[in-house]
């Protein structure tokens, strides 16, 4: 029970961090688009920070919303089994 609570709390913190990052992304990108529009409307430089931050946001979202996560305990156990099977062959 205690381990389940700890895992649930950790996932909740990850989800909370993801939503905070998503809200920050939206607010900052709106602000940058407005700045870009008024300072240099002929060159949309805002696409570069939007893409870079967006990629990191997607990575974070995949980590939060995937059941096992990218490097979860289940993933580690599976890899250990694979390596042990390779040694036996």
Protein backbone atom coordinates (compact mmCIF):
# COMPACT_ATOMS: atom_id res chain seq x y z
CA UNK A 1 0.00 0.00 0.00
CA UNK A 2 2.77 2.43 0.91
CA UNK A 3 4.63 1.79 -2.35
CA UNK A 4 1.45 2.34 -4.38
CA UNK A 5 0.85 5.64 -2.60
CA UNK A 6 4.43 6.74 -3.26
CA UNK A 7 4.14 5.87 -6.96
CA UNK A 8 0.78 7.61 -7.26
CA UNK A 9 2.14 10.71 -5.57
CA UNK A 10 5.18 10.72 -7.86
CA UNK A 11 2.96 10.43 -10.95
CA UNK A 12 0.75 13.22 -9.65
CA UNK A 13 3.79 15.49 -9.27
CA UNK A 14 4.93 14.60 -12.79
CA UNK A 15 1.49 15.36 -14.19
CA UNK A 16 1.34 18.64 -12.28
CA UNK A 17 4.77 19.65 -13.61
CA UNK A 18 3.67 18.77 -17.14
CA UNK A 19 0.55 20.94 -16.91
CA UNK A 20 2.55 23.84 -15.46
CA UNK A 21 5.03 23.54 -18.32
CA UNK A 22 2.21 23.35 -20.87
CA UNK A 23 0.51 26.47 -19.49
CA UNK A 24 3.84 28.31 -19.43
CA UNK A 25 4.49 27.24 -23.01
CA UNK A 26 1.14 28.58 -24.21
CA UNK A 27 1.48 31.90 -22.40
CA UNK A 28 5.08 32.51 -23.47
CA UNK A 29 4.42 31.50 -27.08
CA UNK A 30 1.46 33.90 -27.31
CA UNK A 31 3.68 36.66 -25.90
CA UNK A 32 6.49 35.81 -28.34
CA UNK A 33 4.14 35.72 -31.33
CA UNK A 34 2.89 39.20 -30.46
CA UNK A 35 6.47 40.47 -30.06
CA UNK A 36 7.47 38.82 -33.33
CA UNK A 37 4.49 40.31 -35.16
CA UNK A 38 5.29 43.87 -34.07
CA UNK A 39 9.10 43.74 -34.32
CA UNK A 40 9.77 41.66 -37.42
CA UNK A 41 6.64 40.47 -39.21
CA UNK A 42 8.64 39.42 -42.27
CA UNK A 43 10.66 36.79 -40.39
CA UNK A 44 8.84 34.45 -38.01
CA UNK A 45 11.72 33.63 -35.65
CA UNK A 46 9.19 32.55 -33.02
CA UNK A 47 8.99 29.16 -34.70
CA UNK A 48 12.44 28.20 -33.41
CA UNK A 49 11.77 28.51 -29.66
CA UNK A 50 8.28 27.05 -30.24
CA UNK A 51 9.75 23.94 -31.87
CA UNK A 52 12.55 23.41 -29.36
CA UNK A 53 10.37 23.90 -26.30
CA UNK A 54 7.57 21.94 -28.00
CA UNK A 55 9.84 18.94 -28.54
CA UNK A 56 10.79 18.90 -24.87
CA UNK A 57 7.13 19.28 -23.93
CA UNK A 58 6.19 16.29 -26.08
CA UNK A 59 8.94 14.21 -24.50
CA UNK A 60 7.73 15.17 -21.05
CA UNK A 61 4.13 14.39 -22.03
CA UNK A 62 5.06 10.95 -23.35
CA UNK A 63 6.87 10.23 -20.10
CA UNK A 64 3.88 11.31 -18.04
CA UNK A 65 1.13 9.69 -20.08
CA UNK A 66 2.77 6.42 -21.05
CA UNK A 67 1.87 3.67 -18.62
CA UNK A 68 5.37 2.45 -18.09
CA UNK A 69 7.39 5.55 -18.84
CA UNK A 70 10.50 5.61 -20.93
CA UNK A 71 12.89 4.15 -18.34
CA UNK A 72 10.47 2.64 -15.85
CA UNK A 73 11.00 -0.26 -13.49
CA UNK A 74 9.21 -2.58 -15.92
CA UNK A 75 11.52 -1.47 -18.73
CA UNK A 76 14.58 -2.08 -16.55
CA UNK A 77 13.38 -5.56 -15.58
CA UNK A 78 12.69 -6.44 -19.21
CA UNK A 79 16.15 -5.30 -20.30
CA UNK A 80 17.82 -7.22 -17.47
CA UNK A 81 16.00 -10.37 -18.56
CA UNK A 82 17.06 -9.82 -22.17
CA UNK A 83 20.71 -9.40 -21.18
CA UNK A 84 20.57 -12.45 -18.95
CA UNK A 85 19.07 -14.50 -21.79
CA UNK A 86 21.86 -13.34 -24.11
CA UNK A 87 24.49 -14.51 -21.62
CA UNK A 88 22.92 -17.97 -21.40
CA UNK A 89 23.05 -18.50 -25.16
